[in-house]
Amino acid sequence: MPLFGKSQKSPAEVVKALKEAVNALERGDKKVEK
């Protein structure tokens, strides 16, 4: 899942994708911890 591929994305779209990825990781970590 390349975040920075050849497709042109606007900074807002890149930030949104990064935030979604971080949120998904945080939810996964919380599930593992508790």
PDB file of N, CA and C in Angstrom:
ATOM      1  N   MET A   1       0.841  -1.204   0.000  1.00  0.00           N
ATOM      2  CA  MET A   1       0.000   0.000   0.000  1.00  0.00           C
ATOM      3  C   MET A   1       0.871   1.247   0.000  1.00  0.00           C
ATOM      4  N   PRO A   2       1.391   1.644  -1.157  1.00  0.00           N
ATOM      5  CA  PRO A   2       2.266   2.833  -1.223  1.00  0.00           C
ATOM      6  C   PRO A   2       1.487   4.114  -0.979  1.00  0.00           C
ATOM      7  N   LEU A   3       1.882   4.871   0.063  1.00  0.00           N
ATOM      8  CA  LEU A   3       1.194   6.134   0.343  1.00  0.00           C
ATOM      9  C   LEU A   3       1.576   7.178  -0.698  1.00  0.00           C
ATOM     10  N   PHE A   4       2.848   7.117  -1.143  1.00  0.00           N
ATOM     11  CA  PHE A   4       3.301   8.111  -2.121  1.00  0.00           C
ATOM     12  C   PHE A   4       3.637   7.400  -3.425  1.00  0.00           C
ATOM     13  N   GLY A   5       2.602   7.181  -4.233  1.00  0.00           N
ATOM     14  CA  GLY A   5       2.810   6.488  -5.503  1.00  0.00           C
ATOM     15  C   GLY A   5       3.011   7.477  -6.636  1.00  0.00           C
ATOM     16  N   LYS A   6       2.857   6.988  -7.863  1.00  0.00           N
ATOM     17  CA  LYS A   6       3.030   7.878  -9.012  1.00  0.00           C
ATOM     18  C   LYS A   6       1.805   8.770  -9.199  1.00  0.00           C
ATOM     19  N   SER A   7       0.659   8.333  -8.643  1.00  0.00           N
ATOM     20  CA  SER A   7      -0.556   9.138  -8.802  1.00  0.00           C
ATOM     21  C   SER A   7      -0.393  10.470  -8.082  1.00  0.00           C
ATOM     22  N   GLN A   8      -0.851  11.541  -8.734  1.00  0.00           N
ATOM     23  CA  GLN A   8      -0.735  12.872  -8.139  1.00  0.00           C
ATOM     24  C   GLN A   8      -1.849  13.079  -7.117  1.00  0.00           C
ATOM     25  N   LYS A   9      -1.438  13.436  -5.901  1.00  0.00           N
ATOM     26  CA  LYS A   9      -2.429  13.709  -4.855  1.00  0.00           C
ATOM     27  C   LYS A   9      -2.187  15.103  -4.297  1.00  0.00           C
ATOM     28  N   SER A  10      -3.250  15.752  -3.888  1.00  0.00           N
ATOM     29  CA  SER A  10      -3.095  17.077  -3.285  1.00  0.00           C
ATOM     30  C   SER A  10      -2.620  16.888  -1.849  1.00  0.00           C
ATOM     31  N   PRO A  11      -1.927  17.869  -1.278  1.00  0.00           N
ATOM     32  CA  PRO A  11      -1.443  17.759   0.115  1.00  0.00           C
ATOM     33  C   PRO A  11      -2.559  17.353   1.066  1.00  0.00           C
ATOM     34  N   ALA A  12      -3.752  17.894   0.866  1.00  0.00           N
ATOM     35  CA  ALA A  12      -4.874  17.557   1.758  1.00  0.00           C
ATOM     36  C   ALA A  12      -5.195  16.070   1.664  1.00  0.00           C
ATOM     37  N   GLU A  13      -5.162  15.523   0.460  1.00  0.00           N
ATOM     38  CA  GLU A  13      -5.476  14.101   0.297  1.00  0.00           C
ATOM     39  C   GLU A  13      -4.402  13.245   0.950  1.00  0.00           C
ATOM     40  N   VAL A  14      -3.136  13.670   0.830  1.00  0.00           N
ATOM     41  CA  VAL A  14      -2.038  12.917   1.446  1.00  0.00           C
ATOM     42  C   VAL A  14      -2.190  12.938   2.965  1.00  0.00           C
ATOM     43  N   VAL A  15      -2.494  14.115   3.517  1.00  0.00           N
ATOM     44  CA  VAL A  15      -2.653  14.233   4.975  1.00  0.00           C
ATOM     45  C   VAL A  15      -3.809  13.364   5.438  1.00  0.00           C
ATOM     46  N   LYS A  16      -4.900  13.389   4.705  1.00  0.00           N
ATOM     47  CA  LYS A  16      -6.071  12.579   5.080  1.00  0.00           C
ATOM     48  C   LYS A  16      -5.705  11.098   5.076  1.00  0.00           C
ATOM     49  N   ALA A  17      -4.974  10.657   4.065  1.00  0.00           N
ATOM     50  CA  ALA A  17      -4.591   9.252   3.978  1.00  0.00           C
ATOM     51  C   ALA A  17      -3.684   8.879   5.147  1.00  0.00           C
ATOM     52  N   LEU A  18      -2.735   9.767   5.479  1.00  0.00           N
ATOM     53  CA  LEU A  18      -1.827   9.489   6.597  1.00  0.00           C
ATOM     54  C   LEU A  18      -2.602   9.420   7.904  1.00  0.00           C
ATOM     55  N   LYS A  19      -3.522  10.348   8.124  1.00  0.00           N
ATOM     56  CA  LYS A  19      -4.311  10.351   9.368  1.00  0.00           C
ATOM     57  C   LYS A  19      -5.131   9.071   9.474  1.00  0.00           C
ATOM     58  N   GLU A  20      -5.714   8.643   8.373  1.00  0.00           N
ATOM     59  CA  GLU A  20      -6.520   7.418   8.403  1.00  0.00           C
ATOM     60  C   GLU A  20      -5.637   6.217   8.730  1.00  0.00           C
ATOM     61  N   ALA A  21      -4.431   6.184   8.169  1.00  0.00           N
ATOM     62  CA  ALA A  21      -3.522   5.071   8.444  1.00  0.00           C
ATOM     63  C   ALA A  21      -3.127   5.064   9.917  1.00  0.00           C
ATOM     64  N   VAL A  22      -2.827   6.248  10.461  1.00  0.00           N
ATOM     65  CA  VAL A  22      -2.438   6.342  11.879  1.00  0.00           C
ATOM     66  C   VAL A  22      -3.602   5.918  12.766  1.00  0.00           C
ATOM     67  N   ASN A  23      -4.797   6.376  12.446  1.00  0.00           N
ATOM     68  CA  ASN A  23      -5.968   6.007  13.249  1.00  0.00           C
ATOM     69  C   ASN A  23      -6.172   4.498  13.209  1.00  0.00           C
ATOM     70  N   ALA A  24      -5.985   3.882  12.063  1.00  0.00           N
ATOM     71  CA  ALA A  24      -6.164   2.436  11.939  1.00  0.00           C
ATOM     72  C   ALA A  24      -5.126   1.713  12.798  1.00  0.00           C
ATOM     73  N   LEU A  25      -3.884   2.203  12.785  1.00  0.00           N
ATOM     74  CA  LEU A  25      -2.837   1.571  13.597  1.00  0.00           C
ATOM     75  C   LEU A  25      -3.150   1.725  15.076  1.00  0.00           C
ATOM     76  N   GLU A  26      -3.614   2.914  15.470  1.00  0.00           N
ATOM     77  CA  GLU A  26      -3.927   3.144  16.884  1.00  0.00           C
ATOM     78  C   GLU A  26      -5.063   2.231  17.331  1.00  0.00           C
ATOM     79  N   ARG A  27      -6.080   2.058  16.509  1.00  0.00           N
ATOM     80  CA  ARG A  27      -7.193   1.170  16.867  1.00  0.00           C
ATOM     81  C   ARG A  27      -6.666  -0.257  17.000  1.00  0.00           C
ATOM     82  N   GLY A  28      -5.784  -0.662  16.101  1.00  0.00           N
ATOM     83  CA  GLY A  28      -5.224  -2.015  16.160  1.00  0.00           C
ATOM     84  C   GLY A  28      -4.406  -2.198  17.429  1.00  0.00           C
ATOM     85  N   ASP A  29      -3.594  -1.184  17.796  1.00  0.00           N
ATOM     86  CA  ASP A  29      -2.771  -1.291  19.002  1.00  0.00           C
ATOM     87  C   ASP A  29      -3.654  -1.408  20.234  1.00  0.00           C
ATOM     88  N   LYS A  30      -4.715  -0.611  20.293  1.00  0.00           N
ATOM     89  CA  LYS A  30      -5.603  -0.645  21.459  1.00  0.00           C
ATOM     90  C   LYS A  30      -6.255  -2.016  21.579  1.00  0.00           C
ATOM     91  N   LYS A  31      -6.620  -2.607  20.447  1.00  0.00           N
ATOM     92  CA  LYS A  31      -7.251  -3.926  20.489  1.00  0.00           C
ATOM     93  C   LYS A  31      -6.252  -4.952  21.022  1.00  0.00           C
ATOM     94  N   VAL A  32      -4.994  -4.829  20.637  1.00  0.00           N
ATOM     95  CA  VAL A  32      -3.980  -5.793  21.081  1.00  0.00           C
ATOM     96  C   VAL A  32      -3.674  -5.594  22.562  1.00  0.00           C
ATOM     97  N   GLU A  33      -3.551  -4.327  22.988  1.00  0.00           N
ATOM     98  CA  GLU A  33      -3.221  -4.048  24.394  1.00  0.00           C
ATOM     99  C   GLU A  33      -4.340  -4.498  25.321  1.00  0.00           C
ATOM    100  N   LYS A  34      -5.585  -4.149  24.938  1.00  0.00           N
ATOM    101  CA  LYS A  34      -6.709  -4.506  25.812  1.00  0.00           C
ATOM    102  C   LYS A  34      -7.564  -5.505  25.067  1.00  0.00           C
TER     103      LYS A  34
END
